[in-house]
Structure formats: structure tokens, C-alpha cells
């Protein structure tokens, strides 16, 4: 378990550092797609263990790249299976912090429930307390959990935010910083209205927190530029970060750059153009270019 000094250093880095968060947390049903985009087809594995070994090799290649550097990257979000594996003999989270000074996070949600009231809540997170205990033992700093908002339904959006903050308090009580992620679908016909309702509900929940509680927010890039600026100044909020949400890399970077103070937490946009068949030089050149572009958009 990390000491208080490390926790304070990581908290300061997440609150004040320049850079972005790399989302390396594809899991379950999204893993085959992530591997396919990387050039590894389903015929390359016959069971989940082989699949997760291949995806760990992909993530290890990304993390060990010289371009994957704390000059540009503040933190990295891991999937549970990645947390429980090692890189060069170290637990993944320890490798990130000890070798790269990149703050480790863990995805804790177990996927989405069926659509109701225009939203998809999180499925119940079985054995969450046990997972959080293991995360603390593995020197994880914080967690991430995702819900999705499809329509500007006030009841549904309120349910999403209330669920996120309720679980977030459980996570904070274990000594971890929760990233609350109520994603607004970028293809929603009433995305802007959904964002208005969402911000109101987040402000309500922040006002209910005890003064020492800290959270992070991961939100879709808003329709109206700088729409989430006031959330960034709330004393409970360590950082507000943005998901790419299906935007391609160039479009995501452009939209991000138009929102001052909002930094990236990209997954698909980060790994776009990387393939297993690339030479190390080509791989490192490609990811290096991507990382610098996302960094530039995050600090604009």
C-alpha cells in the first residue's frame, strides 16, 4: 500500500499537472474490437485467458514506449485484468508510477444496464469492496466508472448522477479518488439539453459532499464550449477530463482544444493507427505523434 507522501504527490499531479489521461481500460466485450483494430483477429485466440494475454501485450507495448512519458501523460486507466498482471516483474500500477511517474487508475464498473428513462445506468458492481481492497493493495490511486445518457430525460439523468455519486462515496471511503463518468452520447439528438440537465444534477450532488471528499469528472466534450468551466472551480473536483466518445482523433482534439481547462482521457483516439505488425520504430513514432497532439489539445 502506498504511503501518504505518494498519495499527496499523485493528487497534486492530477490536480495541477499539464497533460492528459490515457484510457487503457477496454474490457469484456470491447476487448476483441480493440485487438481487431490493433490487427489481432479473433482467430488468434481461443479463450479469454489467451485474449487477455494478447491485450496485455498490446497495453504493455504502449506503456513501455518511450513516447508514453509523464511529460505528456498524467495518468492511465487500467482494466482489472491489467492491474492484476505485471510489466517487467512489477505490478502494472507500480510500473506506471515507479518508472514513468504516471498515476494509475482502475476501471471498476461492470458494464451498462438496459436503456430506461433515456439512460443506461451501471450494472450492479458485484464484489466492489473486495475489488477496491485489491486496488489499494496494488497501489491504484483512483477509479473510473461509466454510465451513458442517450436522451434529455430529467428523471434518467438524475438517476445516473445519483448512482455515480453514491458509488463514488463508497470508493472515496476506501482511500481512492473516483472518476465519475456520466457520458452523454455524442450522437444524441438533444445532446446540448442533456448536458444542461447533467450539469445541474452534478452541481446538486457536489453541494451534498462533505468538505474533504474529492472526485474527478469524466464528461463528453460539451456542445457549448467551456460549458463545464464552473465545475472545474468546485473545491471537491480534482480535475475535469473529457472522453473522446466516438469522435475520431482529429475531431476530438479540435473540440477539446476549444474547451479551456478540459483535458483528454481518450481511449480509441489514443490507439488509433497502432498495429501489432508495426516495427518498434514505426509504433513509437505513431504513438508519439498522437500523444503530442492530444497533449497540445489538452493544454490549449
C-alpha atoms as a PDB file:
ATOM      1  CA  UNK A   1       0.000   0.000   0.000  1.00  0.00           C
ATOM      2  CA  UNK A   2       1.420   3.352  -0.981  1.00  0.00           C
ATOM      3  CA  UNK A   3       2.370   5.873   1.658  1.00  0.00           C
ATOM      4  CA  UNK A   4       0.791   9.246   2.324  1.00  0.00           C
ATOM      5  CA  UNK A   5       3.613  11.083   0.583  1.00  0.00           C
ATOM      6  CA  UNK A   6       2.983   9.197  -2.656  1.00  0.00           C
ATOM      7  CA  UNK A   7      -0.765   9.836  -2.426  1.00  0.00           C
ATOM      8  CA  UNK A   8      -0.215  13.587  -1.975  1.00  0.00           C
ATOM      9  CA  UNK A   9       2.233  13.668  -4.890  1.00  0.00           C
ATOM     10  CA  UNK A  10      -0.239  11.858  -7.132  1.00  0.00           C
ATOM     11  CA  UNK A  11      -3.133  14.073  -6.025  1.00  0.00           C
ATOM     12  CA  UNK A  12      -1.122  17.202  -6.762  1.00  0.00           C
ATOM     13  CA  UNK A  13      -0.128  15.853 -10.159  1.00  0.00           C
ATOM     14  CA  UNK A  14      -3.735  15.114 -11.089  1.00  0.00           C
ATOM     15  CA  UNK A  15      -4.963  18.487  -9.871  1.00  0.00           C
ATOM     16  CA  UNK A  16      -2.266  20.753 -11.253  1.00  0.00           C
ATOM     17  CA  UNK A  17      -0.168  18.857 -13.783  1.00  0.00           C
ATOM     18  CA  UNK A  18      -0.109  19.511 -17.518  1.00  0.00           C
ATOM     19  CA  UNK A  19      -1.065  16.599 -19.723  1.00  0.00           C
ATOM     20  CA  UNK A  20      -3.860  14.082 -20.161  1.00  0.00           C
ATOM     21  CA  UNK A  21      -5.081  10.672 -19.003  1.00  0.00           C
ATOM     22  CA  UNK A  22      -4.553   7.642 -21.221  1.00  0.00           C
ATOM     23  CA  UNK A  23      -7.542   5.278 -21.113  1.00  0.00           C
ATOM     24  CA  UNK A  24      -6.245   1.711 -21.491  1.00  0.00           C
ATOM     25  CA  UNK A  25      -9.319   0.100 -19.987  1.00  0.00           C
ATOM     26  CA  UNK A  26     -11.172  -1.731 -22.755  1.00  0.00           C
ATOM     27  CA  UNK A  27     -12.717  -4.787 -21.131  1.00  0.00           C
ATOM     28  CA  UNK A  28     -15.034  -7.710 -21.705  1.00  0.00           C
ATOM     29  CA  UNK A  29     -16.961  -7.301 -24.941  1.00  0.00           C
ATOM     30  CA  UNK A  30     -14.855  -4.363 -26.161  1.00  0.00           C
ATOM     31  CA  UNK A  31     -11.553  -6.246 -25.949  1.00  0.00           C
ATOM     32  CA  UNK A  32     -11.922  -8.224 -29.221  1.00  0.00           C
ATOM     33  CA  UNK A  33     -12.732  -4.983 -31.050  1.00  0.00           C
ATOM     34  CA  UNK A  34      -9.706  -3.256 -29.535  1.00  0.00           C
ATOM     35  CA  UNK A  35      -7.500  -6.163 -30.589  1.00  0.00           C
ATOM     36  CA  UNK A  36      -9.004  -6.205 -34.087  1.00  0.00           C
ATOM     37  CA  UNK A  37      -8.236  -2.505 -34.515  1.00  0.00           C
ATOM     38  CA  UNK A  38      -4.695  -3.353 -33.412  1.00  0.00           C
ATOM     39  CA  UNK A  39      -4.515  -6.006 -36.139  1.00  0.00           C
ATOM     40  CA  UNK A  40      -5.056  -9.075 -33.954  1.00  0.00           C
ATOM     41  CA  UNK A  41      -8.068 -11.039 -35.178  1.00  0.00           C
ATOM     42  CA  UNK A  42     -10.280 -13.323 -33.090  1.00  0.00           C
ATOM     43  CA  UNK A  43      -8.732 -16.351 -34.768  1.00  0.00           C
ATOM     44  CA  UNK A  44      -5.546 -15.527 -32.837  1.00  0.00           C
ATOM     45  CA  UNK A  45      -7.043 -16.665 -29.524  1.00  0.00           C
ATOM     46  CA  UNK A  46      -9.328 -19.473 -28.405  1.00  0.00           C
ATOM     47  CA  UNK A  47     -10.332 -18.393 -24.873  1.00  0.00           C
ATOM     48  CA  UNK A  48     -10.477 -15.380 -22.576  1.00  0.00           C
ATOM     49  CA  UNK A  49      -7.084 -16.051 -20.995  1.00  0.00           C
ATOM     50  CA  UNK A  50      -5.366 -16.000 -24.386  1.00  0.00           C
ATOM     51  CA  UNK A  51      -7.320 -12.886 -25.359  1.00  0.00           C
ATOM     52  CA  UNK A  52      -6.354 -11.020 -22.182  1.00  0.00           C
ATOM     53  CA  UNK A  53      -2.733 -12.064 -22.589  1.00  0.00           C
ATOM     54  CA  UNK A  54      -2.718 -10.543 -26.069  1.00  0.00           C
ATOM     55  CA  UNK A  55      -4.355  -7.323 -24.927  1.00  0.00           C
ATOM     56  CA  UNK A  56      -1.885  -7.081 -22.041  1.00  0.00           C
ATOM     57  CA  UNK A  57       0.931  -7.386 -24.566  1.00  0.00           C
ATOM     58  CA  UNK A  58      -0.647  -4.522 -26.526  1.00  0.00           C
ATOM     59  CA  UNK A  59      -1.004  -2.338 -23.438  1.00  0.00           C
ATOM     60  CA  UNK A  60       2.499  -3.211 -22.265  1.00  0.00           C
ATOM     61  CA  UNK A  61       3.865  -2.105 -25.632  1.00  0.00           C
ATOM     62  CA  UNK A  62       2.028   1.197 -25.296  1.00  0.00           C
ATOM     63  CA  UNK A  63       3.102   1.778 -21.690  1.00  0.00           C
ATOM     64  CA  UNK A  64       6.751   0.861 -22.312  1.00  0.00           C
ATOM     65  CA  UNK A  65       7.030   3.069 -25.379  1.00  0.00           C
ATOM     66  CA  UNK A  66       9.461   5.953 -24.789  1.00  0.00           C
ATOM     67  CA  UNK A  67       6.698   8.246 -26.060  1.00  0.00           C
ATOM     68  CA  UNK A  68       4.426   7.190 -23.175  1.00  0.00           C
ATOM     69  CA  UNK A  69       6.006   9.713 -20.865  1.00  0.00           C
ATOM     70  CA  UNK A  70       4.967  11.805 -17.864  1.00  0.00           C
ATOM     71  CA  UNK A  71       5.912  14.962 -19.745  1.00  0.00           C
ATOM     72  CA  UNK A  72       2.656  14.473 -21.640  1.00  0.00           C
ATOM     73  CA  UNK A  73       0.631  11.904 -19.693  1.00  0.00           C
ATOM     74  CA  UNK A  74      -0.650  12.465 -16.160  1.00  0.00           C
ATOM     75  CA  UNK A  75      -2.424   9.165 -15.560  1.00  0.00           C
ATOM     76  CA  UNK A  76      -3.527   5.896 -17.108  1.00  0.00           C
ATOM     77  CA  UNK A  77      -6.777   3.973 -16.581  1.00  0.00           C
ATOM     78  CA  UNK A  78      -6.370   0.202 -16.386  1.00  0.00           C
ATOM     79  CA  UNK A  79      -8.768  -2.715 -16.686  1.00  0.00           C
ATOM     80  CA  UNK A  80      -8.908  -5.104 -13.691  1.00  0.00           C
ATOM     81  CA  UNK A  81      -7.100  -7.827 -15.635  1.00  0.00           C
ATOM     82  CA  UNK A  82      -4.282  -5.395 -16.419  1.00  0.00           C
ATOM     83  CA  UNK A  83      -3.992  -4.336 -12.775  1.00  0.00           C
ATOM     84  CA  UNK A  84      -3.525  -7.985 -11.827  1.00  0.00           C
ATOM     85  CA  UNK A  85      -0.734  -8.537 -14.355  1.00  0.00           C
ATOM     86  CA  UNK A  86       2.886  -7.444 -14.303  1.00  0.00           C
ATOM     87  CA  UNK A  87       5.173  -5.435 -16.570  1.00  0.00           C
ATOM     88  CA  UNK A  88       8.858  -6.358 -16.282  1.00  0.00           C
ATOM     89  CA  UNK A  89       8.193  -8.071 -12.962  1.00  0.00           C
ATOM     90  CA  UNK A  90       6.253  -5.185 -11.393  1.00  0.00           C
ATOM     91  CA  UNK A  91       2.522  -4.864 -10.919  1.00  0.00           C
ATOM     92  CA  UNK A  92       1.213  -2.662 -13.718  1.00  0.00           C
ATOM     93  CA  UNK A  93       0.309   0.215 -11.375  1.00  0.00           C
ATOM     94  CA  UNK A  94       3.749   0.141  -9.738  1.00  0.00           C
ATOM     95  CA  UNK A  95       5.452   0.122 -13.131  1.00  0.00           C
ATOM     96  CA  UNK A  96       3.452   3.177 -14.199  1.00  0.00           C
ATOM     97  CA  UNK A  97       4.306   5.222 -11.111  1.00  0.00           C
ATOM     98  CA  UNK A  98       7.800   3.980 -10.227  1.00  0.00           C
ATOM     99  CA  UNK A  99       9.169   4.022 -13.775  1.00  0.00           C
ATOM    100  CA  UNK A 100       7.041   6.623 -15.525  1.00  0.00           C
ATOM    101  CA  UNK A 101       5.571   8.829 -12.763  1.00  0.00           C
ATOM    102  CA  UNK A 102       2.159   8.249 -14.377  1.00  0.00           C
ATOM    103  CA  UNK A 103      -0.748   7.960 -11.921  1.00  0.00           C
ATOM    104  CA  UNK A 104      -2.629   4.607 -12.090  1.00  0.00           C
ATOM    105  CA  UNK A 105      -6.438   4.356 -12.154  1.00  0.00           C
ATOM    106  CA  UNK A 106      -8.723   1.311 -12.336  1.00  0.00           C
ATOM    107  CA  UNK A 107     -11.972   0.831 -14.258  1.00  0.00           C
ATOM    108  CA  UNK A 108     -14.428  -0.688 -11.757  1.00  0.00           C
ATOM    109  CA  UNK A 109     -17.810  -0.743 -13.499  1.00  0.00           C
ATOM    110  CA  UNK A 110     -19.183  -3.992 -14.934  1.00  0.00           C
ATOM    111  CA  UNK A 111     -20.946  -2.545 -17.943  1.00  0.00           C
ATOM    112  CA  UNK A 112     -24.290  -0.910 -18.645  1.00  0.00           C
ATOM    113  CA  UNK A 113     -27.849  -1.844 -17.748  1.00  0.00           C
ATOM    114  CA  UNK A 114     -30.596  -1.800 -20.387  1.00  0.00           C
ATOM    115  CA  UNK A 115     -31.900   1.553 -21.601  1.00  0.00           C
ATOM    116  CA  UNK A 116     -34.569   3.072 -19.340  1.00  0.00           C
ATOM    117  CA  UNK A 117     -35.684   6.695 -18.962  1.00  0.00           C
ATOM    118  CA  UNK A 118     -33.340   7.610 -21.786  1.00  0.00           C
ATOM    119  CA  UNK A 119     -30.204   6.423 -19.959  1.00  0.00           C
ATOM    120  CA  UNK A 120     -28.139   3.357 -19.204  1.00  0.00           C
ATOM    121  CA  UNK A 121     -27.249   3.079 -15.552  1.00  0.00           C
ATOM    122  CA  UNK A 122     -24.311   0.994 -14.394  1.00  0.00           C
ATOM    123  CA  UNK A 123     -24.996  -2.648 -13.726  1.00  0.00           C
ATOM    124  CA  UNK A 124     -24.569  -3.584 -10.057  1.00  0.00           C
ATOM    125  CA  UNK A 125     -20.857  -3.891  -9.288  1.00  0.00           C
ATOM    126  CA  UNK A 126     -20.534  -7.287  -7.639  1.00  0.00           C
ATOM    127  CA  UNK A 127     -17.789  -7.607  -5.009  1.00  0.00           C
ATOM    128  CA  UNK A 128     -16.911  -3.925  -5.319  1.00  0.00           C
ATOM    129  CA  UNK A 129     -15.471  -3.737  -1.807  1.00  0.00           C
ATOM    130  CA  UNK A 130     -13.153  -6.672  -2.496  1.00  0.00           C
ATOM    131  CA  UNK A 131     -12.048  -5.104  -5.781  1.00  0.00           C
ATOM    132  CA  UNK A 132     -11.338  -1.776  -4.090  1.00  0.00           C
ATOM    133  CA  UNK A 133      -9.345  -3.510  -1.354  1.00  0.00           C
ATOM    134  CA  UNK A 134      -7.222  -5.208  -4.015  1.00  0.00           C
ATOM    135  CA  UNK A 135      -6.840  -1.901  -5.864  1.00  0.00           C
ATOM    136  CA  UNK A 136      -5.458  -0.290  -2.714  1.00  0.00           C
ATOM    137  CA  UNK A 137      -3.064  -3.215  -2.272  1.00  0.00           C
ATOM    138  CA  UNK A 138      -1.940  -2.802  -5.903  1.00  0.00           C
ATOM    139  CA  UNK A 139      -1.222   0.924  -5.311  1.00  0.00           C
ATOM    140  CA  UNK A 140      -4.021   2.230  -7.511  1.00  0.00           C
ATOM    141  CA  UNK A 141      -4.769   5.947  -6.992  1.00  0.00           C
ATOM    142  CA  UNK A 142      -8.327   6.200  -8.287  1.00  0.00           C
ATOM    143  CA  UNK A 143     -11.136   4.516 -10.165  1.00  0.00           C
ATOM    144  CA  UNK A 144     -13.385   5.088 -13.166  1.00  0.00           C
ATOM    145  CA  UNK A 145     -16.974   4.040 -13.856  1.00  0.00           C
ATOM    146  CA  UNK A 146     -19.206   4.796 -16.832  1.00  0.00           C
ATOM    147  CA  UNK A 147     -22.911   5.425 -17.405  1.00  0.00           C
ATOM    148  CA  UNK A 148     -24.480   6.640 -20.647  1.00  0.00           C
ATOM    149  CA  UNK A 149     -27.094   9.319 -21.294  1.00  0.00           C
ATOM    150  CA  UNK A 150     -28.985   8.923 -24.577  1.00  0.00           C
ATOM    151  CA  UNK A 151     -31.835  11.418 -24.125  1.00  0.00           C
ATOM    152  CA  UNK A 152     -32.528  14.645 -22.228  1.00  0.00           C
ATOM    153  CA  UNK A 153     -34.723  12.833 -19.701  1.00  0.00           C
ATOM    154  CA  UNK A 154     -34.513  14.621 -16.317  1.00  0.00           C
ATOM    155  CA  UNK A 155     -35.506  11.525 -14.344  1.00  0.00           C
ATOM    156  CA  UNK A 156     -32.984   9.291 -16.053  1.00  0.00           C
ATOM    157  CA  UNK A 157     -30.144  11.810 -15.820  1.00  0.00           C
ATOM    158  CA  UNK A 158     -30.835  12.361 -12.132  1.00  0.00           C
ATOM    159  CA  UNK A 159     -30.718   8.583 -11.578  1.00  0.00           C
ATOM    160  CA  UNK A 160     -27.385   8.365 -13.407  1.00  0.00           C
ATOM    161  CA  UNK A 161     -25.773  11.118 -11.352  1.00  0.00           C
ATOM    162  CA  UNK A 162     -27.167   9.872  -8.035  1.00  0.00           C
ATOM    163  CA  UNK A 163     -25.891   6.354  -8.740  1.00  0.00           C
ATOM    164  CA  UNK A 164     -22.472   7.625  -9.783  1.00  0.00           C
ATOM    165  CA  UNK A 165     -22.026   9.736  -6.655  1.00  0.00           C
ATOM    166  CA  UNK A 166     -23.335   7.004  -4.322  1.00  0.00           C
ATOM    167  CA  UNK A 167     -20.759   4.549  -5.648  1.00  0.00           C
ATOM    168  CA  UNK A 168     -18.171   7.318  -5.723  1.00  0.00           C
ATOM    169  CA  UNK A 169     -18.578   7.869  -1.984  1.00  0.00           C
ATOM    170  CA  UNK A 170     -18.002   4.165  -1.366  1.00  0.00           C
ATOM    171  CA  UNK A 171     -14.824   4.388  -3.430  1.00  0.00           C
ATOM    172  CA  UNK A 172     -13.579   7.522  -1.677  1.00  0.00           C
ATOM    173  CA  UNK A 173     -14.157   5.852   1.700  1.00  0.00           C
ATOM    174  CA  UNK A 174     -11.629   3.192   0.664  1.00  0.00           C
ATOM    175  CA  UNK A 175      -8.983   5.846   0.083  1.00  0.00           C
ATOM    176  CA  UNK A 176      -9.326   6.102  -3.701  1.00  0.00           C
ATOM    177  CA  UNK A 177     -10.337   9.051  -5.902  1.00  0.00           C
ATOM    178  CA  UNK A 178     -13.374   8.196  -8.059  1.00  0.00           C
ATOM    179  CA  UNK A 179     -13.658   9.371 -11.647  1.00  0.00           C
ATOM    180  CA  UNK A 180     -17.391   9.892 -12.150  1.00  0.00           C
ATOM    181  CA  UNK A 181     -18.275   9.340 -15.818  1.00  0.00           C
ATOM    182  CA  UNK A 182     -21.835  10.103 -16.940  1.00  0.00           C
ATOM    183  CA  UNK A 183     -21.201  10.056 -20.686  1.00  0.00           C
ATOM    184  CA  UNK A 184     -23.609  11.930 -22.946  1.00  0.00           C
ATOM    185  CA  UNK A 185     -23.919  10.098 -26.267  1.00  0.00           C
ATOM    186  CA  UNK A 186     -22.349  12.351 -28.910  1.00  0.00           C
ATOM    187  CA  UNK A 187     -24.995  11.203 -31.401  1.00  0.00           C
ATOM    188  CA  UNK A 188     -27.915  12.163 -29.170  1.00  0.00           C
ATOM    189  CA  UNK A 189     -30.468  14.405 -30.901  1.00  0.00           C
ATOM    190  CA  UNK A 190     -30.728  16.555 -27.765  1.00  0.00           C
ATOM    191  CA  UNK A 191     -27.126  16.384 -26.545  1.00  0.00           C
ATOM    192  CA  UNK A 192     -26.958  20.048 -25.523  1.00  0.00           C
ATOM    193  CA  UNK A 193     -30.122  19.799 -23.414  1.00  0.00           C
ATOM    194  CA  UNK A 194     -28.829  16.611 -21.790  1.00  0.00           C
ATOM    195  CA  UNK A 195     -25.647  18.460 -20.844  1.00  0.00           C
ATOM    196  CA  UNK A 196     -27.627  21.275 -19.262  1.00  0.00           C
ATOM    197  CA  UNK A 197     -29.580  18.841 -17.087  1.00  0.00           C
ATOM    198  CA  UNK A 198     -26.438  16.854 -16.311  1.00  0.00           C
ATOM    199  CA  UNK A 199     -24.514  19.883 -15.090  1.00  0.00           C
ATOM    200  CA  UNK A 200     -27.376  20.903 -12.800  1.00  0.00           C
ATOM    201  CA  UNK A 201     -27.507  17.420 -11.272  1.00  0.00           C
ATOM    202  CA  UNK A 202     -23.730  17.272 -10.793  1.00  0.00           C
ATOM    203  CA  UNK A 203     -23.764  20.657  -9.039  1.00  0.00           C
ATOM    204  CA  UNK A 204     -26.511  19.382  -6.719  1.00  0.00           C
ATOM    205  CA  UNK A 205     -24.512  16.291  -5.793  1.00  0.00           C
ATOM    206  CA  UNK A 206     -21.272  18.220  -5.277  1.00  0.00           C
ATOM    207  CA  UNK A 207     -23.092  20.502  -2.836  1.00  0.00           C
ATOM    208  CA  UNK A 208     -24.056  17.473  -0.717  1.00  0.00           C
ATOM    209  CA  UNK A 209     -20.488  16.210  -0.252  1.00  0.00           C
ATOM    210  CA  UNK A 210     -18.543  16.602   2.968  1.00  0.00           C
ATOM    211  CA  UNK A 211     -15.804  19.180   2.588  1.00  0.00           C
ATOM    212  CA  UNK A 212     -12.951  16.654   2.454  1.00  0.00           C
ATOM    213  CA  UNK A 213     -14.436  14.486  -0.322  1.00  0.00           C
ATOM    214  CA  UNK A 214     -12.635  14.661  -3.673  1.00  0.00           C
ATOM    215  CA  UNK A 215     -13.841  13.400  -7.063  1.00  0.00           C
ATOM    216  CA  UNK A 216     -12.896  13.700 -10.690  1.00  0.00           C
ATOM    217  CA  UNK A 217     -15.368  14.101 -13.532  1.00  0.00           C
ATOM    218  CA  UNK A 218     -15.096  12.489 -16.967  1.00  0.00           C
ATOM    219  CA  UNK A 219     -17.563  14.042 -19.384  1.00  0.00           C
ATOM    220  CA  UNK A 220     -18.295  14.141 -23.087  1.00  0.00           C
ATOM    221  CA  UNK A 221     -16.840  17.187 -24.807  1.00  0.00           C
ATOM    222  CA  UNK A 222     -19.715  19.683 -24.488  1.00  0.00           C
ATOM    223  CA  UNK A 223     -21.729  21.169 -27.336  1.00  0.00           C
ATOM    224  CA  UNK A 224     -21.179  24.675 -25.932  1.00  0.00           C
ATOM    225  CA  UNK A 225     -17.504  25.469 -25.464  1.00  0.00           C
ATOM    226  CA  UNK A 226     -16.333  25.923 -21.852  1.00  0.00           C
ATOM    227  CA  UNK A 227     -19.722  24.740 -20.591  1.00  0.00           C
ATOM    228  CA  UNK A 228     -18.150  22.858 -17.688  1.00  0.00           C
ATOM    229  CA  UNK A 229     -15.827  25.642 -16.526  1.00  0.00           C
ATOM    230  CA  UNK A 230     -17.658  26.207 -13.252  1.00  0.00           C
ATOM    231  CA  UNK A 231     -17.278  22.548 -12.326  1.00  0.00           C
ATOM    232  CA  UNK A 232     -13.504  22.965 -12.568  1.00  0.00           C
ATOM    233  CA  UNK A 233     -13.501  25.545  -9.774  1.00  0.00           C
ATOM    234  CA  UNK A 234     -15.523  23.461  -7.309  1.00  0.00           C
ATOM    235  CA  UNK A 235     -13.404  22.552  -4.288  1.00  0.00           C
ATOM    236  CA  UNK A 236     -14.443  18.904  -4.461  1.00  0.00           C
ATOM    237  CA  UNK A 237     -13.315  18.447  -8.072  1.00  0.00           C
ATOM    238  CA  UNK A 238      -9.711  17.385  -8.609  1.00  0.00           C
ATOM    239  CA  UNK A 239      -9.958  17.574 -12.408  1.00  0.00           C
ATOM    240  CA  UNK A 240     -12.496  17.539 -15.224  1.00  0.00           C
ATOM    241  CA  UNK A 241     -11.456  15.308 -18.118  1.00  0.00           C
ATOM    242  CA  UNK A 242     -13.056  14.511 -21.464  1.00  0.00           C
ATOM    243  CA  UNK A 243     -13.770  11.236 -23.217  1.00  0.00           C
ATOM    244  CA  UNK A 244     -13.453  11.014 -26.991  1.00  0.00           C
ATOM    245  CA  UNK A 245     -16.881   9.361 -27.182  1.00  0.00           C
ATOM    246  CA  UNK A 246     -16.533   8.035 -30.705  1.00  0.00           C
ATOM    247  CA  UNK A 247     -15.027  11.139 -32.289  1.00  0.00           C
ATOM    248  CA  UNK A 248     -12.003  10.425 -34.452  1.00  0.00           C
ATOM    249  CA  UNK A 249      -8.656  11.619 -33.181  1.00  0.00           C
ATOM    250  CA  UNK A 250      -8.505  14.868 -35.170  1.00  0.00           C
ATOM    251  CA  UNK A 251     -12.075  15.909 -34.381  1.00  0.00           C
ATOM    252  CA  UNK A 252     -11.712  15.010 -30.704  1.00  0.00           C
ATOM    253  CA  UNK A 253      -8.530  17.059 -30.434  1.00  0.00           C
ATOM    254  CA  UNK A 254     -10.109  20.050 -32.183  1.00  0.00           C
ATOM    255  CA  UNK A 255     -13.179  20.039 -29.947  1.00  0.00           C
ATOM    256  CA  UNK A 256     -11.055  19.543 -26.847  1.00  0.00           C
ATOM    257  CA  UNK A 257      -8.806  22.481 -27.712  1.00  0.00           C
ATOM    258  CA  UNK A 258     -11.856  24.758 -27.731  1.00  0.00           C
ATOM    259  CA  UNK A 259     -12.608  23.968 -24.061  1.00  0.00           C
ATOM    260  CA  UNK A 260     -10.130  25.668 -21.765  1.00  0.00           C
ATOM    261  CA  UNK A 261      -9.046  23.633 -18.756  1.00  0.00           C
ATOM    262  CA  UNK A 262     -10.621  20.427 -20.073  1.00  0.00           C
ATOM    263  CA  UNK A 263      -8.061  17.671 -20.591  1.00  0.00           C
ATOM    264  CA  UNK A 264      -8.316  14.427 -22.517  1.00  0.00           C
ATOM    265  CA  UNK A 265      -8.981  10.943 -21.237  1.00  0.00           C
ATOM    266  CA  UNK A 266      -9.013   9.254 -24.618  1.00  0.00           C
ATOM    267  CA  UNK A 267      -9.087   5.558 -25.472  1.00  0.00           C
ATOM    268  CA  UNK A 268      -9.946   4.978 -29.125  1.00  0.00           C
ATOM    269  CA  UNK A 269      -8.386   8.277 -30.187  1.00  0.00           C
ATOM    270  CA  UNK A 270      -5.169   7.333 -28.362  1.00  0.00           C
ATOM    271  CA  UNK A 271      -4.704   3.928 -30.001  1.00  0.00           C
ATOM    272  CA  UNK A 272      -5.874   4.959 -33.475  1.00  0.00           C
ATOM    273  CA  UNK A 273      -3.379   3.848 -36.113  1.00  0.00           C
ATOM    274  CA  UNK A 274      -1.402   1.456 -33.885  1.00  0.00           C
ATOM    275  CA  UNK A 275      -0.981  -2.114 -35.141  1.00  0.00           C
ATOM    276  CA  UNK A 276       0.741  -5.255 -33.925  1.00  0.00           C
ATOM    277  CA  UNK A 277       2.647  -5.546 -37.204  1.00  0.00           C
ATOM    278  CA  UNK A 278       4.375  -2.173 -36.919  1.00  0.00           C
ATOM    279  CA  UNK A 279       8.096  -2.113 -36.219  1.00  0.00           C
ATOM    280  CA  UNK A 280       9.019  -0.640 -32.853  1.00  0.00           C
ATOM    281  CA  UNK A 281      10.272   2.499 -34.583  1.00  0.00           C
ATOM    282  CA  UNK A 282       7.033   2.952 -36.540  1.00  0.00           C
ATOM    283  CA  UNK A 283       4.920   2.140 -33.477  1.00  0.00           C
ATOM    284  CA  UNK A 284       6.785   4.588 -31.258  1.00  0.00           C
ATOM    285  CA  UNK A 285       6.719   7.293 -33.931  1.00  0.00           C
ATOM    286  CA  UNK A 286       2.960   6.927 -34.422  1.00  0.00           C
ATOM    287  CA  UNK A 287       2.029   6.888 -30.750  1.00  0.00           C
ATOM    288  CA  UNK A 288       4.488   9.709 -30.087  1.00  0.00           C
ATOM    289  CA  UNK A 289       2.775  11.915 -32.647  1.00  0.00           C
ATOM    290  CA  UNK A 290      -0.657  11.031 -31.257  1.00  0.00           C
ATOM    291  CA  UNK A 291       0.384  11.712 -27.670  1.00  0.00           C
ATOM    292  CA  UNK A 292       1.832  15.111 -28.532  1.00  0.00           C
ATOM    293  CA  UNK A 293      -1.306  16.091 -30.456  1.00  0.00           C
ATOM    294  CA  UNK A 294      -3.611  15.079 -27.589  1.00  0.00           C
ATOM    295  CA  UNK A 295      -1.324  16.852 -25.113  1.00  0.00           C
ATOM    296  CA  UNK A 296      -1.391  20.045 -27.157  1.00  0.00           C
ATOM    297  CA  UNK A 297      -5.188  19.948 -27.325  1.00  0.00           C
ATOM    298  CA  UNK A 298      -5.338  19.368 -23.556  1.00  0.00           C
ATOM    299  CA  UNK A 299      -3.194  22.343 -22.595  1.00  0.00           C
ATOM    300  CA  UNK A 300      -4.599  24.841 -25.116  1.00  0.00           C
END
